């Protein structure tokens, strides 16, 4: 008899598990959390780590509240046991509650992401989630539109500050840039 906690899945099984888990998220159904994440799992989001199943569920509850109409669509699944890579797209409107401390702006967002999920014993043990945080911040209005006058002003101010911090363009080693 195989211990379910240590059983390793083959490529077909791990892909099916990933598609099922993302299907639960698409339906905003977190009632099966114990069937998706290990109790001590970690999801590493661009906004910080959620450590433990309860923290991961809390992250998604906050996201679903902030973007009540969010649609998460799986675009591709690449099994590589014990990992699975899931490329996805999210579309929604920031009209609900706060998300990661930011008040809702009413803006529509569309962004792509990729999860690299480590599965052990049919449960997610670790997940590294990637998405373009700057693009999302621009879409919700937290950063200026790319290429706008304000964006160019921010870039110019940053470059000026960098120049000052490097001793007038000199690196600490004395080489001029």
C-alpha atoms as a PDB file:
ATOM      1  CA  UNK A   1       0.000   0.000   0.000  1.00  0.00           C
ATOM      2  CA  UNK A   2       1.334   3.474  -0.927  1.00  0.00           C
ATOM      3  CA  UNK A   3       1.290   6.275   1.606  1.00  0.00           C
ATOM      4  CA  UNK A   4      -0.763   9.109   0.027  1.00  0.00           C
ATOM      5  CA  UNK A   5       1.492  11.713   1.691  1.00  0.00           C
ATOM      6  CA  UNK A   6       4.557  10.470  -0.192  1.00  0.00           C
ATOM      7  CA  UNK A   7       2.976   9.156  -3.392  1.00  0.00           C
ATOM      8  CA  UNK A   8       4.403  10.866  -6.455  1.00  0.00           C
ATOM      9  CA  UNK A   9       2.227  11.643  -9.427  1.00  0.00           C
ATOM     10  CA  UNK A  10       3.103  10.993 -13.053  1.00  0.00           C
ATOM     11  CA  UNK A  11       2.833  13.723 -15.709  1.00  0.00           C
ATOM     12  CA  UNK A  12      -0.812  12.983 -16.557  1.00  0.00           C
ATOM     13  CA  UNK A  13      -1.874  12.946 -12.906  1.00  0.00           C
ATOM     14  CA  UNK A  14       0.009  16.116 -12.004  1.00  0.00           C
ATOM     15  CA  UNK A  15      -1.505  17.962 -14.990  1.00  0.00           C
ATOM     16  CA  UNK A  16      -5.013  16.800 -14.006  1.00  0.00           C
ATOM     17  CA  UNK A  17      -4.425  17.942 -10.418  1.00  0.00           C
ATOM     18  CA  UNK A  18      -3.250  21.384 -11.586  1.00  0.00           C
ATOM     19  CA  UNK A  19      -6.225  21.822 -13.904  1.00  0.00           C
ATOM     20  CA  UNK A  20      -8.624  20.758 -11.131  1.00  0.00           C
ATOM     21  CA  UNK A  21      -7.033  23.147  -8.602  1.00  0.00           C
ATOM     22  CA  UNK A  22      -7.145  26.085 -10.999  1.00  0.00           C
ATOM     23  CA  UNK A  23     -10.741  25.146 -11.833  1.00  0.00           C
ATOM     24  CA  UNK A  24     -11.581  25.498  -8.139  1.00  0.00           C
ATOM     25  CA  UNK A  25      -9.959  28.956  -8.123  1.00  0.00           C
ATOM     26  CA  UNK A  26     -11.832  29.925 -11.294  1.00  0.00           C
ATOM     27  CA  UNK A  27     -15.061  29.066  -9.461  1.00  0.00           C
ATOM     28  CA  UNK A  28     -13.801  30.955  -6.386  1.00  0.00           C
ATOM     29  CA  UNK A  29     -14.322  27.753  -4.417  1.00  0.00           C
ATOM     30  CA  UNK A  30     -11.859  27.551  -1.547  1.00  0.00           C
ATOM     31  CA  UNK A  31     -13.810  24.828   0.286  1.00  0.00           C
ATOM     32  CA  UNK A  32     -11.427  22.193  -1.112  1.00  0.00           C
ATOM     33  CA  UNK A  33      -8.273  23.937   0.170  1.00  0.00           C
ATOM     34  CA  UNK A  34      -7.204  20.854   2.123  1.00  0.00           C
ATOM     35  CA  UNK A  35      -7.293  18.915  -1.155  1.00  0.00           C
ATOM     36  CA  UNK A  36      -5.084  21.464  -2.926  1.00  0.00           C
ATOM     37  CA  UNK A  37      -2.449  22.740  -0.459  1.00  0.00           C
ATOM     38  CA  UNK A  38      -0.447  20.955   2.211  1.00  0.00           C
ATOM     39  CA  UNK A  39      -1.057  22.399   5.679  1.00  0.00           C
ATOM     40  CA  UNK A  40       2.419  24.003   5.698  1.00  0.00           C
ATOM     41  CA  UNK A  41       2.516  24.944   1.989  1.00  0.00           C
ATOM     42  CA  UNK A  42       3.997  28.229   0.795  1.00  0.00           C
ATOM     43  CA  UNK A  43       2.770  30.319  -2.120  1.00  0.00           C
ATOM     44  CA  UNK A  44       5.393  32.914  -3.089  1.00  0.00           C
ATOM     45  CA  UNK A  45       3.448  35.765  -4.708  1.00  0.00           C
ATOM     46  CA  UNK A  46       5.067  38.904  -6.172  1.00  0.00           C
ATOM     47  CA  UNK A  47       3.505  40.740  -3.197  1.00  0.00           C
ATOM     48  CA  UNK A  48       5.056  38.404  -0.592  1.00  0.00           C
ATOM     49  CA  UNK A  49       4.869  34.879   0.774  1.00  0.00           C
ATOM     50  CA  UNK A  50       1.694  33.255   2.058  1.00  0.00           C
ATOM     51  CA  UNK A  51       2.904  30.545   4.442  1.00  0.00           C
ATOM     52  CA  UNK A  52       0.464  27.836   5.449  1.00  0.00           C
ATOM     53  CA  UNK A  53      -2.831  26.779   3.915  1.00  0.00           C
ATOM     54  CA  UNK A  54      -4.825  29.332   5.936  1.00  0.00           C
ATOM     55  CA  UNK A  55      -2.635  32.226   4.739  1.00  0.00           C
ATOM     56  CA  UNK A  56      -2.939  31.079   1.118  1.00  0.00           C
ATOM     57  CA  UNK A  57      -6.720  30.842   1.409  1.00  0.00           C
ATOM     58  CA  UNK A  58      -6.762  34.328   3.015  1.00  0.00           C
ATOM     59  CA  UNK A  59      -4.779  35.713   0.048  1.00  0.00           C
ATOM     60  CA  UNK A  60      -7.342  34.352  -2.425  1.00  0.00           C
ATOM     61  CA  UNK A  61     -10.288  35.502  -0.297  1.00  0.00           C
ATOM     62  CA  UNK A  62      -8.806  39.021  -0.337  1.00  0.00           C
ATOM     63  CA  UNK A  63      -8.217  38.858  -4.105  1.00  0.00           C
ATOM     64  CA  UNK A  64     -11.741  37.571  -4.813  1.00  0.00           C
ATOM     65  CA  UNK A  65     -13.223  40.331  -2.610  1.00  0.00           C
ATOM     66  CA  UNK A  66     -11.103  43.022  -4.320  1.00  0.00           C
ATOM     67  CA  UNK A  67     -11.811  41.767  -7.860  1.00  0.00           C
ATOM     68  CA  UNK A  68     -15.345  40.308  -7.535  1.00  0.00           C
ATOM     69  CA  UNK A  69     -15.617  39.553 -11.253  1.00  0.00           C
ATOM     70  CA  UNK A  70     -12.122  38.113 -11.722  1.00  0.00           C
ATOM     71  CA  UNK A  71     -11.823  35.335 -14.279  1.00  0.00           C
ATOM     72  CA  UNK A  72      -8.723  33.155 -14.130  1.00  0.00           C
ATOM     73  CA  UNK A  73      -8.176  31.161 -17.317  1.00  0.00           C
ATOM     74  CA  UNK A  74      -5.543  28.464 -17.690  1.00  0.00           C
ATOM     75  CA  UNK A  75      -3.700  28.918 -20.974  1.00  0.00           C
ATOM     76  CA  UNK A  76      -1.169  26.076 -20.744  1.00  0.00           C
ATOM     77  CA  UNK A  77      -0.090  23.351 -18.349  1.00  0.00           C
ATOM     78  CA  UNK A  78       3.336  21.752 -18.566  1.00  0.00           C
ATOM     79  CA  UNK A  79       3.873  18.816 -16.234  1.00  0.00           C
ATOM     80  CA  UNK A  80       7.427  18.159 -15.071  1.00  0.00           C
ATOM     81  CA  UNK A  81       6.943  15.902 -12.025  1.00  0.00           C
ATOM     82  CA  UNK A  82       7.195  16.651  -9.177  1.00  0.00           C
ATOM     83  CA  UNK A  83       6.514  20.137 -10.576  1.00  0.00           C
ATOM     84  CA  UNK A  84       3.880  21.519 -12.888  1.00  0.00           C
ATOM     85  CA  UNK A  85       4.026  24.870 -14.685  1.00  0.00           C
ATOM     86  CA  UNK A  86       0.715  26.630 -15.228  1.00  0.00           C
ATOM     87  CA  UNK A  87       0.412  29.696 -17.467  1.00  0.00           C
ATOM     88  CA  UNK A  88      -2.753  31.676 -16.829  1.00  0.00           C
ATOM     89  CA  UNK A  89      -4.561  34.924 -17.589  1.00  0.00           C
ATOM     90  CA  UNK A  90      -6.635  36.971 -15.161  1.00  0.00           C
ATOM     91  CA  UNK A  91      -9.224  39.590 -16.085  1.00  0.00           C
ATOM     92  CA  UNK A  92     -11.305  41.542 -13.593  1.00  0.00           C
ATOM     93  CA  UNK A  93     -12.336  44.890 -12.160  1.00  0.00           C
ATOM     94  CA  UNK A  94     -10.887  46.341  -8.960  1.00  0.00           C
ATOM     95  CA  UNK A  95     -14.238  47.345  -7.431  1.00  0.00           C
ATOM     96  CA  UNK A  96     -14.400  45.361  -4.189  1.00  0.00           C
ATOM     97  CA  UNK A  97     -12.275  45.604  -1.064  1.00  0.00           C
ATOM     98  CA  UNK A  98      -8.622  46.454  -0.621  1.00  0.00           C
ATOM     99  CA  UNK A  99      -5.981  44.296  -2.249  1.00  0.00           C
ATOM    100  CA  UNK A 100      -2.603  44.140  -0.551  1.00  0.00           C
ATOM    101  CA  UNK A 101      -3.432  47.399   1.238  1.00  0.00           C
ATOM    102  CA  UNK A 102      -4.526  49.274  -1.902  1.00  0.00           C
ATOM    103  CA  UNK A 103      -8.034  50.723  -2.031  1.00  0.00           C
ATOM    104  CA  UNK A 104     -10.169  49.750  -5.033  1.00  0.00           C
ATOM    105  CA  UNK A 105      -9.949  52.078  -8.013  1.00  0.00           C
ATOM    106  CA  UNK A 106     -12.732  50.709 -10.201  1.00  0.00           C
ATOM    107  CA  UNK A 107     -10.234  49.966 -12.949  1.00  0.00           C
ATOM    108  CA  UNK A 108     -10.300  46.902 -15.171  1.00  0.00           C
ATOM    109  CA  UNK A 109      -7.181  44.731 -15.225  1.00  0.00           C
ATOM    110  CA  UNK A 110      -5.836  42.069 -17.555  1.00  0.00           C
ATOM    111  CA  UNK A 111      -2.605  40.309 -16.698  1.00  0.00           C
ATOM    112  CA  UNK A 112      -0.796  37.068 -17.368  1.00  0.00           C
ATOM    113  CA  UNK A 113       0.969  34.925 -14.843  1.00  0.00           C
ATOM    114  CA  UNK A 114       2.805  31.689 -14.391  1.00  0.00           C
ATOM    115  CA  UNK A 115       2.876  29.321 -11.429  1.00  0.00           C
ATOM    116  CA  UNK A 116       5.697  26.859 -10.859  1.00  0.00           C
ATOM    117  CA  UNK A 117       4.099  24.380  -8.483  1.00  0.00           C
ATOM    118  CA  UNK A 118       5.907  21.696  -6.468  1.00  0.00           C
ATOM    119  CA  UNK A 119       3.544  18.813  -5.686  1.00  0.00           C
ATOM    120  CA  UNK A 120       4.280  16.196  -3.058  1.00  0.00           C
ATOM    121  CA  UNK A 121       1.791  13.517  -2.087  1.00  0.00           C
ATOM    122  CA  UNK A 122      -0.987  14.976  -4.268  1.00  0.00           C
ATOM    123  CA  UNK A 123      -0.785  18.371  -2.513  1.00  0.00           C
ATOM    124  CA  UNK A 124       0.903  21.656  -3.359  1.00  0.00           C
ATOM    125  CA  UNK A 125       3.941  22.005  -1.133  1.00  0.00           C
ATOM    126  CA  UNK A 126       5.440  25.140  -2.698  1.00  0.00           C
ATOM    127  CA  UNK A 127       4.266  27.457  -5.464  1.00  0.00           C
ATOM    128  CA  UNK A 128       6.254  30.280  -7.016  1.00  0.00           C
ATOM    129  CA  UNK A 129       3.778  32.662  -8.653  1.00  0.00           C
ATOM    130  CA  UNK A 130       4.994  35.140 -11.258  1.00  0.00           C
ATOM    131  CA  UNK A 131       3.126  38.123 -12.692  1.00  0.00           C
ATOM    132  CA  UNK A 132       4.170  41.590 -13.869  1.00  0.00           C
ATOM    133  CA  UNK A 133       3.547  43.689 -10.767  1.00  0.00           C
ATOM    134  CA  UNK A 134       4.446  46.957 -12.492  1.00  0.00           C
ATOM    135  CA  UNK A 135       1.912  46.315 -15.265  1.00  0.00           C
ATOM    136  CA  UNK A 136      -0.782  45.495 -12.700  1.00  0.00           C
ATOM    137  CA  UNK A 137       0.105  48.636 -10.695  1.00  0.00           C
ATOM    138  CA  UNK A 138      -0.197  50.722 -13.877  1.00  0.00           C
ATOM    139  CA  UNK A 139      -3.583  49.199 -14.702  1.00  0.00           C
ATOM    140  CA  UNK A 140      -5.059  49.958 -11.270  1.00  0.00           C
ATOM    141  CA  UNK A 141      -3.650  53.502 -11.395  1.00  0.00           C
ATOM    142  CA  UNK A 142      -0.958  53.060  -8.735  1.00  0.00           C
ATOM    143  CA  UNK A 143       1.786  53.860 -11.275  1.00  0.00           C
ATOM    144  CA  UNK A 144       1.496  56.245 -14.248  1.00  0.00           C
ATOM    145  CA  UNK A 145       0.790  54.944 -17.752  1.00  0.00           C
ATOM    146  CA  UNK A 146       3.938  53.704 -19.455  1.00  0.00           C
ATOM    147  CA  UNK A 147       5.486  56.451 -21.612  1.00  0.00           C
ATOM    148  CA  UNK A 148       3.254  59.180 -20.176  1.00  0.00           C
ATOM    149  CA  UNK A 149       4.765  62.532 -19.151  1.00  0.00           C
ATOM    150  CA  UNK A 150       4.486  61.517 -15.478  1.00  0.00           C
ATOM    151  CA  UNK A 151       6.177  58.170 -16.196  1.00  0.00           C
ATOM    152  CA  UNK A 152       9.042  59.985 -17.969  1.00  0.00           C
ATOM    153  CA  UNK A 153       9.299  62.429 -15.041  1.00  0.00           C
ATOM    154  CA  UNK A 154       9.512  59.535 -12.541  1.00  0.00           C
ATOM    155  CA  UNK A 155      12.212  57.876 -14.630  1.00  0.00           C
ATOM    156  CA  UNK A 156      14.155  61.136 -14.888  1.00  0.00           C
ATOM    157  CA  UNK A 157      13.896  61.732 -11.127  1.00  0.00           C
ATOM    158  CA  UNK A 158      15.026  58.175 -10.417  1.00  0.00           C
ATOM    159  CA  UNK A 159      17.999  58.527 -12.764  1.00  0.00           C
ATOM    160  CA  UNK A 160      18.972  61.863 -11.165  1.00  0.00           C
ATOM    161  CA  UNK A 161      18.816  60.326  -7.703  1.00  0.00           C
ATOM    162  CA  UNK A 162      20.875  57.357  -8.876  1.00  0.00           C
ATOM    163  CA  UNK A 163      23.463  59.719 -10.323  1.00  0.00           C
ATOM    164  CA  UNK A 164      23.707  61.583  -6.990  1.00  0.00           C
ATOM    165  CA  UNK A 165      23.908  58.333  -4.991  1.00  0.00           C
ATOM    166  CA  UNK A 166      26.812  57.129  -7.125  1.00  0.00           C
ATOM    167  CA  UNK A 167      28.824  60.215  -6.225  1.00  0.00           C
ATOM    168  CA  UNK A 168      28.088  62.289  -9.306  1.00  0.00           C
ATOM    169  CA  UNK A 169      28.249  59.407 -11.719  1.00  0.00           C
ATOM    170  CA  UNK A 170      31.354  57.831 -10.168  1.00  0.00           C
ATOM    171  CA  UNK A 171      31.027  54.321  -8.857  1.00  0.00           C
ATOM    172  CA  UNK A 172      32.525  53.619  -5.487  1.00  0.00           C
ATOM    173  CA  UNK A 173      35.459  51.990  -7.315  1.00  0.00           C
ATOM    174  CA  UNK A 174      36.114  55.262  -9.174  1.00  0.00           C
ATOM    175  CA  UNK A 175      35.058  54.124 -12.663  1.00  0.00           C
ATOM    176  CA  UNK A 176      32.956  56.689 -14.511  1.00  0.00           C
ATOM    177  CA  UNK A 177      29.736  55.522 -16.073  1.00  0.00           C
END
